[in-house]
Each structure stands twice: as C-alpha cells, then as structure tokens.
N, C-alpha and C. Protein backbone atom coordinates (compact mmCIF):
# COMPACT_ATOMS: atom_id res chain seq x y z
N UNK A 1 5.35 21.54 -9.59
CA UNK A 1 6.16 20.81 -8.63
C UNK A 1 6.48 19.43 -9.23
N UNK A 2 7.59 19.36 -9.93
CA UNK A 2 7.99 18.12 -10.60
C UNK A 2 8.94 17.32 -9.72
N UNK A 3 8.62 16.04 -9.54
CA UNK A 3 9.47 15.14 -8.78
C UNK A 3 10.45 14.47 -9.73
N UNK A 4 11.71 14.47 -9.34
CA UNK A 4 12.75 13.81 -10.12
C UNK A 4 13.33 12.67 -9.28
N UNK A 5 13.84 11.66 -9.95
CA UNK A 5 14.49 10.53 -9.28
C UNK A 5 15.95 10.48 -9.68
N UNK A 6 16.79 10.08 -8.72
CA UNK A 6 18.21 9.89 -8.97
C UNK A 6 18.66 8.65 -8.22
N UNK A 7 19.42 7.79 -8.89
CA UNK A 7 19.94 6.57 -8.26
C UNK A 7 21.43 6.45 -8.51
N UNK A 8 22.11 5.86 -7.52
CA UNK A 8 23.54 5.61 -7.65
C UNK A 8 23.97 4.54 -6.66
N UNK A 9 24.50 3.45 -7.16
CA UNK A 9 25.11 2.41 -6.35
C UNK A 9 24.30 1.98 -5.13
N UNK A 10 23.09 1.51 -5.36
CA UNK A 10 22.30 0.94 -4.28
C UNK A 10 21.54 1.92 -3.42
N UNK A 11 21.48 3.18 -3.83
CA UNK A 11 20.68 4.15 -3.09
C UNK A 11 20.09 5.14 -4.09
N UNK A 12 19.17 5.93 -3.60
CA UNK A 12 18.57 6.91 -4.49
C UNK A 12 17.77 7.93 -3.72
N UNK A 13 17.19 8.84 -4.49
CA UNK A 13 16.35 9.86 -3.87
C UNK A 13 15.35 10.37 -4.88
N UNK A 14 14.22 10.77 -4.35
CA UNK A 14 13.22 11.51 -5.10
C UNK A 14 13.33 12.93 -4.57
N UNK A 15 13.27 13.90 -5.46
CA UNK A 15 13.45 15.27 -5.00
C UNK A 15 12.69 16.25 -5.86
N UNK A 16 12.45 17.41 -5.29
CA UNK A 16 11.84 18.54 -5.97
C UNK A 16 12.85 19.67 -5.90
N UNK A 17 13.19 20.21 -7.06
CA UNK A 17 14.12 21.33 -7.08
C UNK A 17 13.35 22.64 -7.11
N UNK A 18 13.91 23.62 -6.44
CA UNK A 18 13.32 24.95 -6.42
C UNK A 18 14.34 25.96 -6.88
N UNK A 19 13.97 27.22 -6.83
CA UNK A 19 14.87 28.30 -7.25
C UNK A 19 16.11 28.38 -6.37
N UNK A 20 15.97 27.98 -5.11
CA UNK A 20 17.08 28.10 -4.16
C UNK A 20 17.55 26.74 -3.65
N UNK A 21 17.57 25.75 -4.51
CA UNK A 21 18.07 24.44 -4.09
C UNK A 21 17.02 23.36 -4.18
N UNK A 22 17.07 22.46 -3.23
CA UNK A 22 16.18 21.30 -3.19
C UNK A 22 15.32 21.37 -1.93
N UNK A 23 14.12 21.92 -2.03
CA UNK A 23 13.31 22.08 -0.83
C UNK A 23 12.64 20.81 -0.32
N UNK A 24 12.69 19.73 -1.11
CA UNK A 24 12.06 18.49 -0.65
C UNK A 24 12.79 17.29 -1.24
N UNK A 25 13.02 16.28 -0.38
CA UNK A 25 13.63 15.05 -0.86
C UNK A 25 13.26 13.89 0.04
N UNK A 26 13.27 12.70 -0.56
CA UNK A 26 13.03 11.46 0.15
C UNK A 26 14.08 10.48 -0.34
N UNK A 27 14.77 9.80 0.57
CA UNK A 27 15.87 8.93 0.18
C UNK A 27 15.56 7.46 0.47
N UNK A 28 16.23 6.59 -0.29
CA UNK A 28 16.10 5.16 -0.06
C UNK A 28 17.44 4.48 -0.29
N UNK A 29 17.54 3.28 0.29
CA UNK A 29 18.69 2.42 0.06
C UNK A 29 18.17 1.04 -0.34
N UNK A 30 18.99 0.30 -1.02
CA UNK A 30 18.62 -1.05 -1.42
C UNK A 30 18.57 -1.94 -0.19
N UNK A 31 17.55 -2.78 -0.14
CA UNK A 31 17.44 -3.74 0.94
C UNK A 31 17.71 -5.15 0.45
N UNK A 32 18.19 -5.26 -0.75
CA UNK A 32 18.42 -6.56 -1.38
C UNK A 32 17.74 -6.60 -2.73
N UNK A 33 17.57 -7.78 -3.26
CA UNK A 33 17.01 -7.92 -4.60
C UNK A 33 15.52 -7.61 -4.68
N UNK A 34 14.82 -7.72 -3.53
CA UNK A 34 13.37 -7.62 -3.60
C UNK A 34 12.75 -6.38 -2.95
N UNK A 35 13.57 -5.52 -2.31
CA UNK A 35 12.97 -4.35 -1.68
C UNK A 35 13.96 -3.20 -1.51
N UNK A 36 13.37 -2.03 -1.25
CA UNK A 36 14.15 -0.85 -0.89
C UNK A 36 13.67 -0.37 0.48
N UNK A 37 14.51 0.38 1.14
CA UNK A 37 14.19 0.93 2.46
C UNK A 37 14.15 2.45 2.34
N UNK A 38 12.98 3.03 2.55
CA UNK A 38 12.86 4.49 2.52
C UNK A 38 13.21 4.99 3.91
N UNK A 39 14.31 5.74 3.99
CA UNK A 39 14.88 6.04 5.30
C UNK A 39 14.85 7.51 5.72
N UNK A 40 14.47 8.41 4.83
CA UNK A 40 14.52 9.82 5.21
C UNK A 40 13.62 10.66 4.31
N UNK A 41 12.94 11.61 4.92
CA UNK A 41 12.15 12.60 4.18
C UNK A 41 12.45 13.97 4.75
N UNK A 42 12.65 14.92 3.86
CA UNK A 42 12.84 16.31 4.28
C UNK A 42 12.01 17.19 3.36
N UNK A 43 11.14 17.99 3.96
CA UNK A 43 10.34 18.95 3.21
C UNK A 43 10.51 20.31 3.87
N UNK A 44 11.01 21.27 3.11
CA UNK A 44 11.21 22.62 3.60
C UNK A 44 9.88 23.24 4.03
N UNK A 45 9.97 24.11 5.00
CA UNK A 45 8.79 24.80 5.51
C UNK A 45 7.98 25.46 4.38
N UNK A 46 8.66 25.93 3.35
CA UNK A 46 7.98 26.62 2.25
C UNK A 46 7.05 25.69 1.46
N UNK A 47 7.24 24.37 1.58
CA UNK A 47 6.40 23.41 0.87
C UNK A 47 5.47 22.63 1.78
N UNK A 48 5.51 22.89 3.06
CA UNK A 48 4.63 22.16 3.99
C UNK A 48 3.17 22.44 3.65
N UNK A 49 2.37 21.40 3.69
CA UNK A 49 0.95 21.53 3.41
C UNK A 49 0.60 21.53 1.93
N UNK A 50 1.59 21.33 1.07
CA UNK A 50 1.33 21.34 -0.38
C UNK A 50 1.21 19.94 -0.97
N UNK A 51 1.42 18.92 -0.16
CA UNK A 51 1.40 17.55 -0.66
C UNK A 51 2.73 17.10 -1.25
N UNK A 52 3.78 17.89 -1.02
CA UNK A 52 5.09 17.56 -1.58
C UNK A 52 5.60 16.20 -1.09
N UNK A 53 5.45 15.92 0.19
CA UNK A 53 5.91 14.65 0.74
C UNK A 53 5.21 13.46 0.10
N UNK A 54 3.90 13.57 -0.08
CA UNK A 54 3.14 12.49 -0.71
C UNK A 54 3.55 12.33 -2.17
N UNK A 55 3.82 13.42 -2.85
CA UNK A 55 4.29 13.33 -4.24
C UNK A 55 5.62 12.59 -4.34
N UNK A 56 6.52 12.88 -3.40
CA UNK A 56 7.80 12.17 -3.37
C UNK A 56 7.57 10.67 -3.17
N UNK A 57 6.73 10.35 -2.19
CA UNK A 57 6.44 8.95 -1.91
C UNK A 57 5.78 8.27 -3.10
N UNK A 58 4.83 8.94 -3.73
CA UNK A 58 4.16 8.34 -4.88
C UNK A 58 5.14 8.04 -6.02
N UNK A 59 6.11 8.92 -6.22
CA UNK A 59 7.12 8.68 -7.26
C UNK A 59 7.95 7.44 -6.94
N UNK A 60 8.32 7.28 -5.67
CA UNK A 60 9.10 6.10 -5.27
C UNK A 60 8.25 4.84 -5.36
N UNK A 61 6.99 4.92 -4.94
CA UNK A 61 6.08 3.77 -5.03
C UNK A 61 5.92 3.34 -6.49
N UNK A 62 5.75 4.28 -7.38
CA UNK A 62 5.61 3.96 -8.80
C UNK A 62 6.87 3.28 -9.33
N UNK A 63 8.03 3.83 -9.01
CA UNK A 63 9.29 3.25 -9.44
C UNK A 63 9.44 1.82 -8.90
N UNK A 64 9.17 1.64 -7.61
CA UNK A 64 9.30 0.31 -7.00
C UNK A 64 8.32 -0.68 -7.62
N UNK A 65 7.09 -0.25 -7.84
CA UNK A 65 6.08 -1.13 -8.45
C UNK A 65 6.51 -1.58 -9.83
N UNK A 66 7.02 -0.66 -10.62
CA UNK A 66 7.46 -0.99 -11.97
C UNK A 66 8.60 -2.00 -11.96
N UNK A 67 9.37 -2.02 -10.91
CA UNK A 67 10.51 -2.94 -10.80
C UNK A 67 10.19 -4.20 -10.00
N UNK A 68 8.97 -4.31 -9.52
CA UNK A 68 8.58 -5.48 -8.73
C UNK A 68 9.21 -5.50 -7.35
N UNK A 69 9.49 -4.31 -6.80
CA UNK A 69 10.10 -4.20 -5.47
C UNK A 69 9.07 -3.84 -4.42
N UNK A 70 9.31 -4.26 -3.21
CA UNK A 70 8.53 -3.84 -2.05
C UNK A 70 9.26 -2.69 -1.38
N UNK A 71 8.56 -1.99 -0.51
CA UNK A 71 9.14 -0.88 0.24
C UNK A 71 9.04 -1.15 1.72
N UNK A 72 10.16 -1.05 2.39
CA UNK A 72 10.18 -1.12 3.85
C UNK A 72 10.27 0.32 4.35
N UNK A 73 9.22 0.81 5.00
CA UNK A 73 9.26 2.18 5.49
C UNK A 73 10.02 2.28 6.81
N UNK A 74 11.06 3.07 6.82
CA UNK A 74 11.83 3.31 8.04
C UNK A 74 11.62 4.75 8.52
N UNK A 75 11.51 5.66 7.59
CA UNK A 75 11.28 7.06 7.89
C UNK A 75 9.91 7.23 8.57
N UNK A 76 9.83 7.96 9.67
CA UNK A 76 8.55 8.14 10.37
C UNK A 76 7.43 8.70 9.49
N UNK A 77 7.76 9.61 8.58
CA UNK A 77 6.75 10.16 7.67
C UNK A 77 6.17 9.06 6.79
N UNK A 78 7.03 8.22 6.23
CA UNK A 78 6.57 7.15 5.34
C UNK A 78 5.80 6.09 6.12
N UNK A 79 6.23 5.78 7.33
CA UNK A 79 5.48 4.85 8.18
C UNK A 79 4.05 5.38 8.37
N UNK A 80 3.93 6.66 8.68
CA UNK A 80 2.62 7.28 8.90
C UNK A 80 1.78 7.26 7.61
N UNK A 81 2.40 7.52 6.48
CA UNK A 81 1.67 7.52 5.21
C UNK A 81 1.19 6.11 4.87
N UNK A 82 2.00 5.10 5.13
CA UNK A 82 1.58 3.72 4.86
C UNK A 82 0.41 3.33 5.76
N UNK A 83 0.36 3.86 6.96
CA UNK A 83 -0.77 3.59 7.86
C UNK A 83 -2.03 4.34 7.42
N UNK A 84 -1.83 5.55 6.93
CA UNK A 84 -2.96 6.41 6.58
C UNK A 84 -3.63 6.01 5.26
N UNK A 85 -2.84 5.56 4.29
CA UNK A 85 -3.35 5.24 2.97
C UNK A 85 -3.26 3.74 2.69
N UNK A 86 -4.39 3.04 2.75
CA UNK A 86 -4.36 1.58 2.55
C UNK A 86 -3.90 1.15 1.16
N UNK A 87 -3.94 2.05 0.18
CA UNK A 87 -3.49 1.67 -1.16
C UNK A 87 -2.00 1.35 -1.21
N UNK A 88 -1.25 1.74 -0.19
CA UNK A 88 0.17 1.41 -0.15
C UNK A 88 0.43 0.01 0.40
N UNK A 89 -0.59 -0.65 0.93
CA UNK A 89 -0.37 -1.94 1.59
C UNK A 89 0.18 -3.01 0.66
N UNK A 90 -0.14 -2.94 -0.63
CA UNK A 90 0.33 -3.97 -1.55
C UNK A 90 1.84 -3.88 -1.82
N UNK A 91 2.42 -2.73 -1.56
CA UNK A 91 3.86 -2.56 -1.82
C UNK A 91 4.69 -2.55 -0.53
N UNK A 92 4.02 -2.53 0.60
CA UNK A 92 4.71 -2.46 1.88
C UNK A 92 5.32 -3.80 2.26
N UNK A 93 6.54 -3.76 2.74
CA UNK A 93 7.22 -4.96 3.23
C UNK A 93 7.08 -4.95 4.74
N UNK A 94 6.38 -5.93 5.25
CA UNK A 94 6.17 -6.03 6.70
C UNK A 94 7.17 -7.00 7.29
N UNK A 95 7.67 -6.65 8.47
CA UNK A 95 8.60 -7.57 9.16
C UNK A 95 7.84 -8.73 9.76
C-alpha cells in the first residue's frame, strides 16, 4: 500500500492507487505561506481497518514537516486523528 503525493496550484492530495482506481485519498489546500488545510478524506470500504487513512495523513504530515508548514485539520477524520495521537500536536495549527 504505497502512498503517493500530487500537488498543483495551491492544492494537493495523498492517495493510494489500486487495481480499480483510487480507493483512498486525502486532500489539502494551501492556507497561506505557513500552513495547509486538510479538508477531505475518503477511504473505500475495501481498505477500512487497514490503516490506510493514517498512512495518508502520515505522508502529508511528513511533507508538511519537511517544508516547515503547519496543518489545520478541517476534515473530521483528521481532527479525530490529531486528538487521538499527541505526536501530531507539534504540526497542528490551532485557531
């Protein structure tokens, strides 16, 4: 289960490709020079319970960390993950 990243003009997505398309993806938009906003997660039923959503988030967290960006979680899944895993607190942008 390899996570790939794609960016274009102030937005991007982390995704996992499968034999029949893209069964999992997480999207973000630029929030300015210092942060991104993760706004959507979709994981197909076939990947539920496999950790696919966390893998997507970890790929985005790694990318943001490498660029010195914070993440504002808007997607309910990402909000829940930021609450569940304290290791994300250093990259979280709080209002």
